[in-house]
Amino acid sequence: MDWLAETPAPRMALDIDGARRKGRRKRRLRAYSVVAGCAAVVLAAGLAIPAALGPDEQEATGMVDRQHNPLVAKASFGWLPEVITGVEYGVGAHGDYALAESGRGSSRR
């Protein structure tokens, strides 16, 4: 036992600096792959959703031609009395409404 106590210890088989480098590299690779995977999913969804939607669904989601304004009425009322000088359209708490204005300052609904 005295002989064993006096002999130098064997060289350590574990490379601590190498293990740290390898661990940091793995952690960086894992973080970059998560970020790249999320970016790929967002990009794929951004490209796939508008292509999958038909014209009706695109209008419902607001992806329509900017020349078309849904708030502008595309109708004329030739049957209104001559005292009606204008028609105003709006959206209220209970839905859409039309307000007919006369030249006398009074208005009717």
PDB file of N, CA and C in Angstrom:
ATOM      1  N   MET A   1       0.820  -1.168   0.000  1.00  0.00           N
ATOM      2  CA  MET A   1       0.000   0.000   0.000  1.00  0.00           C
ATOM      3  C   MET A   1       0.873   1.243   0.000  1.00  0.00           C
ATOM      4  N   ASP A   2       2.064   1.129   0.649  1.00  0.00           N
ATOM      5  CA  ASP A   2       2.943   2.292   0.645  1.00  0.00           C
ATOM      6  C   ASP A   2       3.364   2.625  -0.778  1.00  0.00           C
ATOM      7  N   TRP A   3       3.629   1.602  -1.567  1.00  0.00           N
ATOM      8  CA  TRP A   3       4.047   1.813  -2.957  1.00  0.00           C
ATOM      9  C   TRP A   3       2.961   2.524  -3.758  1.00  0.00           C
ATOM     10  N   LEU A   4       1.712   2.162  -3.563  1.00  0.00           N
ATOM     11  CA  LEU A   4       0.595   2.765  -4.275  1.00  0.00           C
ATOM     12  C   LEU A   4       0.399   4.218  -3.863  1.00  0.00           C
ATOM     13  N   ALA A   5       0.617   4.506  -2.598  1.00  0.00           N
ATOM     14  CA  ALA A   5       0.454   5.866  -2.117  1.00  0.00           C
ATOM     15  C   ALA A   5       1.536   6.781  -2.664  1.00  0.00           C
ATOM     16  N   GLU A   6       2.722   6.281  -2.955  1.00  0.00           N
ATOM     17  CA  GLU A   6       3.828   7.103  -3.414  1.00  0.00           C
ATOM     18  C   GLU A   6       3.879   7.265  -4.931  1.00  0.00           C
ATOM     19  N   THR A   7       3.151   6.472  -5.679  1.00  0.00           N
ATOM     20  CA  THR A   7       3.166   6.596  -7.139  1.00  0.00           C
ATOM     21  C   THR A   7       2.280   7.776  -7.552  1.00  0.00           C
ATOM     22  N   PRO A   8       2.679   8.460  -8.627  1.00  0.00           N
ATOM     23  CA  PRO A   8       1.854   9.595  -9.070  1.00  0.00           C
ATOM     24  C   PRO A   8       0.500   9.109  -9.610  1.00  0.00           C
ATOM     25  N   ALA A   9      -0.482   9.972  -9.516  1.00  0.00           N
ATOM     26  CA  ALA A   9      -1.832   9.637  -9.970  1.00  0.00           C
ATOM     27  C   ALA A   9      -1.829   9.555 -11.491  1.00  0.00           C
ATOM     28  N   PRO A  10      -2.636   8.678 -12.040  1.00  0.00           N
ATOM     29  CA  PRO A  10      -2.706   8.582 -13.498  1.00  0.00           C
ATOM     30  C   PRO A  10      -3.315   9.864 -14.090  1.00  0.00           C
ATOM     31  N   ARG A  11      -2.992  10.081 -15.322  1.00  0.00           N
ATOM     32  CA  ARG A  11      -3.508  11.264 -16.018  1.00  0.00           C
ATOM     33  C   ARG A  11      -5.028  11.171 -16.103  1.00  0.00           C
ATOM     34  N   MET A  12      -5.709  12.343 -15.906  1.00  0.00           N
ATOM     35  CA  MET A  12      -7.158  12.356 -15.901  1.00  0.00           C
ATOM     36  C   MET A  12      -7.657  12.129 -17.335  1.00  0.00           C
ATOM     37  N   ALA A  13      -8.639  11.260 -17.494  1.00  0.00           N
ATOM     38  CA  ALA A  13      -9.158  10.917 -18.809  1.00  0.00           C
ATOM     39  C   ALA A  13     -10.202  11.928 -19.289  1.00  0.00           C
ATOM     40  N   LEU A  14     -10.697  12.765 -18.396  1.00  0.00           N
ATOM     41  CA  LEU A  14     -11.729  13.728 -18.741  1.00  0.00           C
ATOM     42  C   LEU A  14     -11.093  15.063 -19.113  1.00  0.00           C
ATOM     43  N   ASP A  15     -11.401  15.559 -20.301  1.00  0.00           N
ATOM     44  CA  ASP A  15     -10.914  16.855 -20.755  1.00  0.00           C
ATOM     45  C   ASP A  15     -11.991  17.891 -20.441  1.00  0.00           C
ATOM     46  N   ILE A  16     -11.811  18.635 -19.348  1.00  0.00           N
ATOM     47  CA  ILE A  16     -12.833  19.565 -18.891  1.00  0.00           C
ATOM     48  C   ILE A  16     -13.029  20.697 -19.896  1.00  0.00           C
ATOM     49  N   ASP A  17     -11.938  21.266 -20.399  1.00  0.00           N
ATOM     50  CA  ASP A  17     -12.064  22.355 -21.376  1.00  0.00           C
ATOM     51  C   ASP A  17     -12.748  21.879 -22.657  1.00  0.00           C
ATOM     52  N   GLY A  18     -12.394  20.690 -23.105  1.00  0.00           N
ATOM     53  CA  GLY A  18     -13.034  20.133 -24.294  1.00  0.00           C
ATOM     54  C   GLY A  18     -14.518  19.879 -24.071  1.00  0.00           C
ATOM     55  N   ALA A  19     -14.877  19.398 -22.880  1.00  0.00           N
ATOM     56  CA  ALA A  19     -16.289  19.146 -22.562  1.00  0.00           C
ATOM     57  C   ALA A  19     -17.073  20.458 -22.530  1.00  0.00           C
ATOM     58  N   ARG A  20     -16.454  21.518 -21.993  1.00  0.00           N
ATOM     59  CA  ARG A  20     -17.123  22.828 -21.977  1.00  0.00           C
ATOM     60  C   ARG A  20     -17.354  23.335 -23.394  1.00  0.00           C
ATOM     61  N   ARG A  21     -16.332  23.240 -24.235  1.00  0.00           N
ATOM     62  CA  ARG A  21     -16.463  23.688 -25.627  1.00  0.00           C
ATOM     63  C   ARG A  21     -17.563  22.910 -26.348  1.00  0.00           C
ATOM     64  N   LYS A  22     -17.556  21.595 -26.158  1.00  0.00           N
ATOM     65  CA  LYS A  22     -18.560  20.757 -26.809  1.00  0.00           C
ATOM     66  C   LYS A  22     -19.968  21.082 -26.311  1.00  0.00           C
ATOM     67  N   GLY A  23     -20.110  21.318 -25.010  1.00  0.00           N
ATOM     68  CA  GLY A  23     -21.419  21.657 -24.447  1.00  0.00           C
ATOM     69  C   GLY A  23     -21.921  23.001 -24.951  1.00  0.00           C
ATOM     70  N   ARG A  24     -21.033  23.996 -25.017  1.00  0.00           N
ATOM     71  CA  ARG A  24     -21.434  25.317 -25.529  1.00  0.00           C
ATOM     72  C   ARG A  24     -21.838  25.226 -26.999  1.00  0.00           C
ATOM     73  N   ARG A  25     -21.083  24.459 -27.773  1.00  0.00           N
ATOM     74  CA  ARG A  25     -21.400  24.288 -29.190  1.00  0.00           C
ATOM     75  C   ARG A  25     -22.765  23.636 -29.360  1.00  0.00           C
ATOM     76  N   LYS A  26     -23.068  22.599 -28.553  1.00  0.00           N
ATOM     77  CA  LYS A  26     -24.365  21.932 -28.627  1.00  0.00           C
ATOM     78  C   LYS A  26     -25.502  22.890 -28.247  1.00  0.00           C
ATOM     79  N   ARG A  27     -25.268  23.692 -27.207  1.00  0.00           N
ATOM     80  CA  ARG A  27     -26.300  24.626 -26.761  1.00  0.00           C
ATOM     81  C   ARG A  27     -26.573  25.699 -27.822  1.00  0.00           C
ATOM     82  N   ARG A  28     -25.504  26.223 -28.447  1.00  0.00           N
ATOM     83  CA  ARG A  28     -25.678  27.208 -29.520  1.00  0.00           C
ATOM     84  C   ARG A  28     -26.410  26.599 -30.704  1.00  0.00           C
ATOM     85  N   LEU A  29     -26.028  25.414 -31.089  1.00  0.00           N
ATOM     86  CA  LEU A  29     -26.675  24.737 -32.208  1.00  0.00           C
ATOM     87  C   LEU A  29     -28.157  24.498 -31.925  1.00  0.00           C
ATOM     88  N   ARG A  30     -28.479  24.088 -30.716  1.00  0.00           N
ATOM     89  CA  ARG A  30     -29.868  23.851 -30.339  1.00  0.00           C
ATOM     90  C   ARG A  30     -30.669  25.153 -30.377  1.00  0.00           C
ATOM     91  N   ALA A  31     -30.090  26.247 -29.859  1.00  0.00           N
ATOM     92  CA  ALA A  31     -30.794  27.536 -29.865  1.00  0.00           C
ATOM     93  C   ALA A  31     -30.994  28.035 -31.293  1.00  0.00           C
ATOM     94  N   TYR A  32     -29.977  27.930 -32.127  1.00  0.00           N
ATOM     95  CA  TYR A  32     -30.105  28.377 -33.512  1.00  0.00           C
ATOM     96  C   TYR A  32     -31.123  27.536 -34.276  1.00  0.00           C
ATOM     97  N   SER A  33     -31.158  26.241 -33.992  1.00  0.00           N
ATOM     98  CA  SER A  33     -32.114  25.398 -34.708  1.00  0.00           C
ATOM     99  C   SER A  33     -33.550  25.701 -34.285  1.00  0.00           C
ATOM    100  N   VAL A  34     -33.771  26.052 -33.022  1.00  0.00           N
ATOM    101  CA  VAL A  34     -35.111  26.433 -32.574  1.00  0.00           C
ATOM    102  C   VAL A  34     -35.535  27.727 -33.259  1.00  0.00           C
ATOM    103  N   VAL A  35     -34.655  28.720 -33.308  1.00  0.00           N
ATOM    104  CA  VAL A  35     -34.978  29.989 -33.954  1.00  0.00           C
ATOM    105  C   VAL A  35     -35.229  29.779 -35.448  1.00  0.00           C
ATOM    106  N   ALA A  36     -34.379  29.008 -36.094  1.00  0.00           N
ATOM    107  CA  ALA A  36     -34.543  28.754 -37.527  1.00  0.00           C
ATOM    108  C   ALA A  36     -35.832  27.963 -37.795  1.00  0.00           C
ATOM    109  N   GLY A  37     -36.161  27.026 -36.938  1.00  0.00           N
ATOM    110  CA  GLY A  37     -37.396  26.255 -37.107  1.00  0.00           C
ATOM    111  C   GLY A  37     -38.633  27.126 -36.961  1.00  0.00           C
ATOM    112  N   CYS A  38     -38.632  28.000 -35.967  1.00  0.00           N
ATOM    113  CA  CYS A  38     -39.769  28.923 -35.796  1.00  0.00           C
ATOM    114  C   CYS A  38     -39.897  29.859 -36.990  1.00  0.00           C
ATOM    115  N   ALA A  39     -38.780  30.373 -37.471  1.00  0.00           N
ATOM    116  CA  ALA A  39     -38.818  31.266 -38.633  1.00  0.00           C
ATOM    117  C   ALA A  39     -39.338  30.532 -39.863  1.00  0.00           C
ATOM    118  N   ALA A  40     -38.952  29.284 -40.025  1.00  0.00           N
ATOM    119  CA  ALA A  40     -39.419  28.504 -41.172  1.00  0.00           C
ATOM    120  C   ALA A  40     -40.922  28.250 -41.090  1.00  0.00           C
ATOM    121  N   VAL A  41     -41.424  27.972 -39.898  1.00  0.00           N
ATOM    122  CA  VAL A  41     -42.863  27.739 -39.733  1.00  0.00           C
ATOM    123  C   VAL A  41     -43.649  29.014 -40.024  1.00  0.00           C
ATOM    124  N   VAL A  42     -43.181  30.144 -39.518  1.00  0.00           N
ATOM    125  CA  VAL A  42     -43.875  31.413 -39.759  1.00  0.00           C
ATOM    126  C   VAL A  42     -43.847  31.758 -41.243  1.00  0.00           C
ATOM    127  N   LEU A  43     -42.721  31.567 -41.891  1.00  0.00           N
ATOM    128  CA  LEU A  43     -42.616  31.852 -43.320  1.00  0.00           C
ATOM    129  C   LEU A  43     -43.530  30.935 -44.135  1.00  0.00           C
ATOM    130  N   ALA A  44     -43.540  29.660 -43.799  1.00  0.00           N
ATOM    131  CA  ALA A  44     -44.393  28.724 -44.531  1.00  0.00           C
ATOM    132  C   ALA A  44     -45.871  29.052 -44.332  1.00  0.00           C
ATOM    133  N   ALA A  45     -46.247  29.420 -43.116  1.00  0.00           N
ATOM    134  CA  ALA A  45     -47.645  29.779 -42.867  1.00  0.00           C
ATOM    135  C   ALA A  45     -48.005  31.061 -43.604  1.00  0.00           C
ATOM    136  N   GLY A  46     -47.100  32.012 -43.628  1.00  0.00           N
ATOM    137  CA  GLY A  46     -47.365  33.259 -44.333  1.00  0.00           C
ATOM    138  C   GLY A  46     -47.525  33.069 -45.823  1.00  0.00           C
ATOM    139  N   LEU A  47     -46.834  32.107 -46.378  1.00  0.00           N
ATOM    140  CA  LEU A  47     -46.955  31.843 -47.806  1.00  0.00           C
ATOM    141  C   LEU A  47     -48.127  30.924 -48.129  1.00  0.00           C
ATOM    142  N   ALA A  48     -48.466  30.033 -47.231  1.00  0.00           N
ATOM    143  CA  ALA A  48     -49.489  29.030 -47.515  1.00  0.00           C
ATOM    144  C   ALA A  48     -50.904  29.539 -47.285  1.00  0.00           C
ATOM    145  N   ILE A  49     -51.104  30.371 -46.287  1.00  0.00           N
ATOM    146  CA  ILE A  49     -52.468  30.795 -45.947  1.00  0.00           C
ATOM    147  C   ILE A  49     -53.106  31.623 -47.058  1.00  0.00           C
ATOM    148  N   PRO A  50     -52.473  32.683 -47.588  1.00  0.00           N
ATOM    149  CA  PRO A  50     -53.137  33.423 -48.665  1.00  0.00           C
ATOM    150  C   PRO A  50     -53.358  32.581 -49.921  1.00  0.00           C
ATOM    151  N   ALA A  51     -52.450  31.656 -50.202  1.00  0.00           N
ATOM    152  CA  ALA A  51     -52.609  30.812 -51.383  1.00  0.00           C
ATOM    153  C   ALA A  51     -53.763  29.819 -51.199  1.00  0.00           C
ATOM    154  N   ALA A  52     -54.003  29.385 -49.971  1.00  0.00           N
ATOM    155  CA  ALA A  52     -55.059  28.403 -49.712  1.00  0.00           C
ATOM    156  C   ALA A  52     -56.439  29.045 -49.659  1.00  0.00           C
ATOM    157  N   LEU A  53     -56.492  30.343 -49.352  1.00  0.00           N
ATOM    158  CA  LEU A  53     -57.785  31.006 -49.258  1.00  0.00           C
ATOM    159  C   LEU A  53     -58.333  31.313 -50.639  1.00  0.00           C
ATOM    160  N   GLY A  54     -59.605  31.087 -50.797  1.00  0.00           N
ATOM    161  CA  GLY A  54     -60.264  31.453 -52.038  1.00  0.00           C
ATOM    162  C   GLY A  54     -60.631  32.926 -52.010  1.00  0.00           C
ATOM    163  N   PRO A  55     -61.259  33.439 -53.056  1.00  0.00           N
ATOM    164  CA  PRO A  55     -61.610  34.865 -53.093  1.00  0.00           C
ATOM    165  C   PRO A  55     -62.575  35.271 -51.987  1.00  0.00           C
ATOM    166  N   ASP A  56     -63.530  34.396 -51.629  1.00  0.00           N
ATOM    167  CA  ASP A  56     -64.481  34.744 -50.577  1.00  0.00           C
ATOM    168  C   ASP A  56     -63.793  34.875 -49.229  1.00  0.00           C
ATOM    169  N   GLU A  57     -62.899  33.953 -48.922  1.00  0.00           N
ATOM    170  CA  GLU A  57     -62.194  33.992 -47.650  1.00  0.00           C
ATOM    171  C   GLU A  57     -61.218  35.163 -47.606  1.00  0.00           C
ATOM    172  N   GLN A  58     -60.638  35.533 -48.745  1.00  0.00           N
ATOM    173  CA  GLN A  58     -59.722  36.661 -48.764  1.00  0.00           C
ATOM    174  C   GLN A  58     -60.468  37.949 -48.453  1.00  0.00           C
ATOM    175  N   GLU A  59     -61.694  38.081 -48.932  1.00  0.00           N
ATOM    176  CA  GLU A  59     -62.477  39.270 -48.612  1.00  0.00           C
ATOM    177  C   GLU A  59     -62.827  39.291 -47.134  1.00  0.00           C
ATOM    178  N   ALA A  60     -63.130  38.130 -46.567  1.00  0.00           N
ATOM    179  CA  ALA A  60     -63.499  38.080 -45.157  1.00  0.00           C
ATOM    180  C   ALA A  60     -62.320  38.415 -44.253  1.00  0.00           C
ATOM    181  N   THR A  61     -61.106  38.103 -44.662  1.00  0.00           N
ATOM    182  CA  THR A  61     -59.940  38.387 -43.840  1.00  0.00           C
ATOM    183  C   THR A  61     -59.333  39.738 -44.133  1.00  0.00           C
ATOM    184  N   GLY A  62     -59.909  40.508 -45.051  1.00  0.00           N
ATOM    185  CA  GLY A  62     -59.401  41.841 -45.321  1.00  0.00           C
ATOM    186  C   GLY A  62     -58.361  41.883 -46.419  1.00  0.00           C
ATOM    187  N   MET A  63     -58.095  40.770 -47.084  1.00  0.00           N
ATOM    188  CA  MET A  63     -57.119  40.743 -48.165  1.00  0.00           C
ATOM    189  C   MET A  63     -57.833  41.003 -49.486  1.00  0.00           C
ATOM    190  N   VAL A  64     -58.251  42.245 -49.699  1.00  0.00           N
ATOM    191  CA  VAL A  64     -58.988  42.598 -50.895  1.00  0.00           C
ATOM    192  C   VAL A  64     -58.264  43.701 -51.628  1.00  0.00           C
ATOM    193  N   ASP A  65     -58.749  43.984 -52.802  1.00  0.00           N
ATOM    194  CA  ASP A  65     -58.194  45.061 -53.616  1.00  0.00           C
ATOM    195  C   ASP A  65     -58.451  46.387 -52.910  1.00  0.00           C
ATOM    196  N   ARG A  66     -57.444  47.238 -52.836  1.00  0.00           N
ATOM    197  CA  ARG A  66     -57.574  48.514 -52.135  1.00  0.00           C
ATOM    198  C   ARG A  66     -58.459  49.505 -52.895  1.00  0.00           C
ATOM    199  N   GLN A  67     -58.747  49.262 -54.171  1.00  0.00           N
ATOM    200  CA  GLN A  67     -59.602  50.144 -54.938  1.00  0.00           C
ATOM    201  C   GLN A  67     -61.065  49.983 -54.525  1.00  0.00           C
ATOM    202  N   HIS A  68     -61.429  48.823 -54.021  1.00  0.00           N
ATOM    203  CA  HIS A  68     -62.805  48.550 -53.616  1.00  0.00           C
ATOM    204  C   HIS A  68     -62.990  49.008 -52.171  1.00  0.00           C
ATOM    205  N   ASN A  69     -63.862  49.975 -51.948  1.00  0.00           N
ATOM    206  CA  ASN A  69     -64.150  50.459 -50.610  1.00  0.00           C
ATOM    207  C   ASN A  69     -65.533  49.978 -50.208  1.00  0.00           C
ATOM    208  N   PRO A  70     -65.646  49.073 -49.237  1.00  0.00           N
ATOM    209  CA  PRO A  70     -66.960  48.536 -48.871  1.00  0.00           C
ATOM    210  C   PRO A  70     -67.854  49.556 -48.177  1.00  0.00           C
ATOM    211  N   LEU A  71     -67.322  50.700 -47.748  1.00  0.00           N
ATOM    212  CA  LEU A  71     -68.136  51.702 -47.077  1.00  0.00           C
ATOM    213  C   LEU A  71     -68.822  52.653 -48.047  1.00  0.00           C
ATOM    214  N   VAL A  72     -68.487  52.609 -49.311  1.00  0.00           N
ATOM    215  CA  VAL A  72     -69.106  53.467 -50.303  1.00  0.00           C
ATOM    216  C   VAL A  72     -70.290  52.721 -50.896  1.00  0.00           C
ATOM    217  N   ALA A  73     -71.469  53.354 -50.831  1.00  0.00           N
ATOM    218  CA  ALA A  73     -72.682  52.726 -51.352  1.00  0.00           C
ATOM    219  C   ALA A  73     -72.662  52.759 -52.865  1.00  0.00           C
ATOM    220  N   LYS A  74     -73.009  51.671 -53.472  1.00  0.00           N
ATOM    221  CA  LYS A  74     -73.038  51.562 -54.917  1.00  0.00           C
ATOM    222  C   LYS A  74     -74.493  51.492 -55.396  1.00  0.00           C
ATOM    223  N   ALA A  75     -75.359  52.289 -54.790  1.00  0.00           N
ATOM    224  CA  ALA A  75     -76.774  52.267 -55.147  1.00  0.00           C
ATOM    225  C   ALA A  75     -77.271  53.700 -55.247  1.00  0.00           C
ATOM    226  N   SER A  76     -78.305  53.874 -56.013  1.00  0.00           N
ATOM    227  CA  SER A  76     -78.964  55.181 -56.090  1.00  0.00           C
ATOM    228  C   SER A  76     -80.440  54.977 -55.808  1.00  0.00           C
ATOM    229  N   PHE A  77     -81.047  55.973 -55.201  1.00  0.00           N
ATOM    230  CA  PHE A  77     -82.435  55.876 -54.810  1.00  0.00           C
ATOM    231  C   PHE A  77     -83.234  56.903 -55.605  1.00  0.00           C
ATOM    232  N   GLY A  78     -83.680  56.535 -56.791  1.00  0.00           N
ATOM    233  CA  GLY A  78     -84.470  57.431 -57.602  1.00  0.00           C
ATOM    234  C   GLY A  78     -85.891  57.574 -57.099  1.00  0.00           C
ATOM    235  N   TRP A  79     -86.315  56.713 -56.201  1.00  0.00           N
ATOM    236  CA  TRP A  79     -87.674  56.721 -55.722  1.00  0.00           C
ATOM    237  C   TRP A  79     -87.875  57.626 -54.509  1.00  0.00           C
ATOM    238  N   LEU A  80     -86.814  58.252 -53.990  1.00  0.00           N
ATOM    239  CA  LEU A  80     -86.959  59.138 -52.837  1.00  0.00           C
ATOM    240  C   LEU A  80     -87.603  60.458 -53.255  1.00  0.00           C
ATOM    241  N   PRO A  81     -88.353  61.078 -52.371  1.00  0.00           N
ATOM    242  CA  PRO A  81     -88.969  62.370 -52.702  1.00  0.00           C
ATOM    243  C   PRO A  81     -87.906  63.430 -53.005  1.00  0.00           C
ATOM    244  N   GLU A  82     -88.301  64.467 -53.709  1.00  0.00           N
ATOM    245  CA  GLU A  82     -87.354  65.499 -54.110  1.00  0.00           C
ATOM    246  C   GLU A  82     -86.828  66.305 -52.931  1.00  0.00           C
ATOM    247  N   VAL A  83     -87.538  66.334 -51.809  1.00  0.00           N
ATOM    248  CA  VAL A  83     -87.072  67.096 -50.644  1.00  0.00           C
ATOM    249  C   VAL A  83     -85.859  66.446 -49.979  1.00  0.00           C
ATOM    250  N   ILE A  84     -85.602  65.200 -50.294  1.00  0.00           N
ATOM    251  CA  ILE A  84     -84.438  64.508 -49.741  1.00  0.00           C
ATOM    252  C   ILE A  84     -83.225  64.937 -50.557  1.00  0.00           C
ATOM    253  N   THR A  85     -82.280  65.597 -49.886  1.00  0.00           N
ATOM    254  CA  THR A  85     -81.098  66.117 -50.591  1.00  0.00           C
ATOM    255  C   THR A  85     -79.893  65.199 -50.472  1.00  0.00           C
ATOM    256  N   GLY A  86     -79.880  64.315 -49.533  1.00  0.00           N
ATOM    257  CA  GLY A  86     -78.737  63.419 -49.382  1.00  0.00           C
ATOM    258  C   GLY A  86     -79.080  62.214 -48.535  1.00  0.00           C
ATOM    259  N   VAL A  87     -78.300  61.192 -48.703  1.00  0.00           N
ATOM    260  CA  VAL A  87     -78.462  59.968 -47.928  1.00  0.00           C
ATOM    261  C   VAL A  87     -77.118  59.665 -47.297  1.00  0.00           C
ATOM    262  N   GLU A  88     -77.132  59.451 -45.987  1.00  0.00           N
ATOM    263  CA  GLU A  88     -75.904  59.153 -45.258  1.00  0.00           C
ATOM    264  C   GLU A  88     -75.982  57.715 -44.758  1.00  0.00           C
ATOM    265  N   TYR A  89     -74.875  56.993 -44.864  1.00  0.00           N
ATOM    266  CA  TYR A  89     -74.816  55.607 -44.418  1.00  0.00           C
ATOM    267  C   TYR A  89     -73.860  55.515 -43.242  1.00  0.00           C
ATOM    268  N   GLY A  90     -74.168  54.656 -42.299  1.00  0.00           N
ATOM    269  CA  GLY A  90     -73.282  54.495 -41.152  1.00  0.00           C
ATOM    270  C   GLY A  90     -73.473  53.144 -40.490  1.00  0.00           C
ATOM    271  N   VAL A  91     -72.633  52.906 -39.507  1.00  0.00           N
ATOM    272  CA  VAL A  91     -72.708  51.688 -38.719  1.00  0.00           C
ATOM    273  C   VAL A  91     -72.873  52.111 -37.276  1.00  0.00           C
ATOM    274  N   GLY A  92     -73.951  51.678 -36.654  1.00  0.00           N
ATOM    275  CA  GLY A  92     -74.222  52.026 -35.269  1.00  0.00           C
ATOM    276  C   GLY A  92     -74.096  50.826 -34.359  1.00  0.00           C
ATOM    277  N   ALA A  93     -74.495  51.023 -33.134  1.00  0.00           N
ATOM    278  CA  ALA A  93     -74.409  49.952 -32.143  1.00  0.00           C
ATOM    279  C   ALA A  93     -75.323  48.785 -32.485  1.00  0.00           C
ATOM    280  N   HIS A  94     -76.410  49.061 -33.225  1.00  0.00           N
ATOM    281  CA  HIS A  94     -77.370  48.004 -33.549  1.00  0.00           C
ATOM    282  C   HIS A  94     -77.294  47.593 -35.019  1.00  0.00           C
ATOM    283  N   GLY A  95     -76.246  47.983 -35.717  1.00  0.00           N
ATOM    284  CA  GLY A  95     -76.093  47.560 -37.107  1.00  0.00           C
ATOM    285  C   GLY A  95     -75.961  48.739 -38.053  1.00  0.00           C
ATOM    286  N   ASP A  96     -76.100  48.451 -39.332  1.00  0.00           N
ATOM    287  CA  ASP A  96     -75.989  49.480 -40.367  1.00  0.00           C
ATOM    288  C   ASP A  96     -77.259  50.324 -40.412  1.00  0.00           C
ATOM    289  N   TYR A  97     -77.104  51.568 -40.825  1.00  0.00           N
ATOM    290  CA  TYR A  97     -78.276  52.419 -40.976  1.00  0.00           C
ATOM    291  C   TYR A  97     -78.084  53.372 -42.143  1.00  0.00           C
ATOM    292  N   ALA A  98     -79.186  53.882 -42.647  1.00  0.00           N
ATOM    293  CA  ALA A  98     -79.192  54.903 -43.692  1.00  0.00           C
ATOM    294  C   ALA A  98     -79.988  56.085 -43.164  1.00  0.00           C
ATOM    295  N   LEU A  99     -79.469  57.288 -43.345  1.00  0.00           N
ATOM    296  CA  LEU A  99     -80.108  58.492 -42.851  1.00  0.00           C
ATOM    297  C   LEU A  99     -80.396  59.394 -44.044  1.00  0.00           C
ATOM    298  N   ALA A 100     -81.674  59.690 -44.281  1.00  0.00           N
ATOM    299  CA  ALA A 100     -82.070  60.553 -45.380  1.00  0.00           C
ATOM    300  C   ALA A 100     -82.157  61.978 -44.874  1.00  0.00           C
ATOM    301  N   GLU A 101     -81.498  62.911 -45.575  1.00  0.00           N
ATOM    302  CA  GLU A 101     -81.474  64.312 -45.152  1.00  0.00           C
ATOM    303  C   GLU A 101     -82.267  65.152 -46.138  1.00  0.00           C
ATOM    304  N   SER A 102     -83.051  66.051 -45.571  1.00  0.00           N
ATOM    305  CA  SER A 102     -83.827  66.940 -46.435  1.00  0.00           C
ATOM    306  C   SER A 102     -83.197  68.333 -46.403  1.00  0.00           C
ATOM    307  N   GLY A 103     -83.586  69.165 -47.316  1.00  0.00           N
ATOM    308  CA  GLY A 103     -83.036  70.509 -47.379  1.00  0.00           C
ATOM    309  C   GLY A 103     -83.578  71.428 -46.295  1.00  0.00           C
ATOM    310  N   ARG A 104     -84.581  71.031 -45.552  1.00  0.00           N
ATOM    311  CA  ARG A 104     -85.200  71.867 -44.535  1.00  0.00           C
ATOM    312  C   ARG A 104     -84.536  71.735 -43.170  1.00  0.00           C
ATOM    313  N   GLY A 105     -83.490  70.977 -43.039  1.00  0.00           N
ATOM    314  CA  GLY A 105     -82.816  70.833 -41.749  1.00  0.00           C
ATOM    315  C   GLY A 105     -83.329  69.682 -40.906  1.00  0.00           C
ATOM    316  N   SER A 106     -84.430  69.092 -41.256  1.00  0.00           N
ATOM    317  CA  SER A 106     -84.937  67.937 -40.528  1.00  0.00           C
ATOM    318  C   SER A 106     -84.467  66.666 -41.218  1.00  0.00           C
ATOM    319  N   SER A 107     -84.387  65.607 -40.478  1.00  0.00           N
ATOM    320  CA  SER A 107     -83.966  64.331 -41.078  1.00  0.00           C
ATOM    321  C   SER A 107     -84.875  63.229 -40.586  1.00  0.00           C
ATOM    322  N   ARG A 108     -85.023  62.212 -41.420  1.00  0.00           N
ATOM    323  CA  ARG A 108     -85.868  61.064 -41.081  1.00  0.00           C
ATOM    324  C   ARG A 108     -85.023  59.804 -41.202  1.00  0.00           C
ATOM    325  N   ARG A 109     -85.424  58.785 -40.476  1.00  0.00           N
ATOM    326  CA  ARG A 109     -84.769  57.479 -40.605  1.00  0.00           C
ATOM    327  C   ARG A 109     -85.679  56.521 -41.272  1.00  0.00           C
TER     328      ARG A 109
END
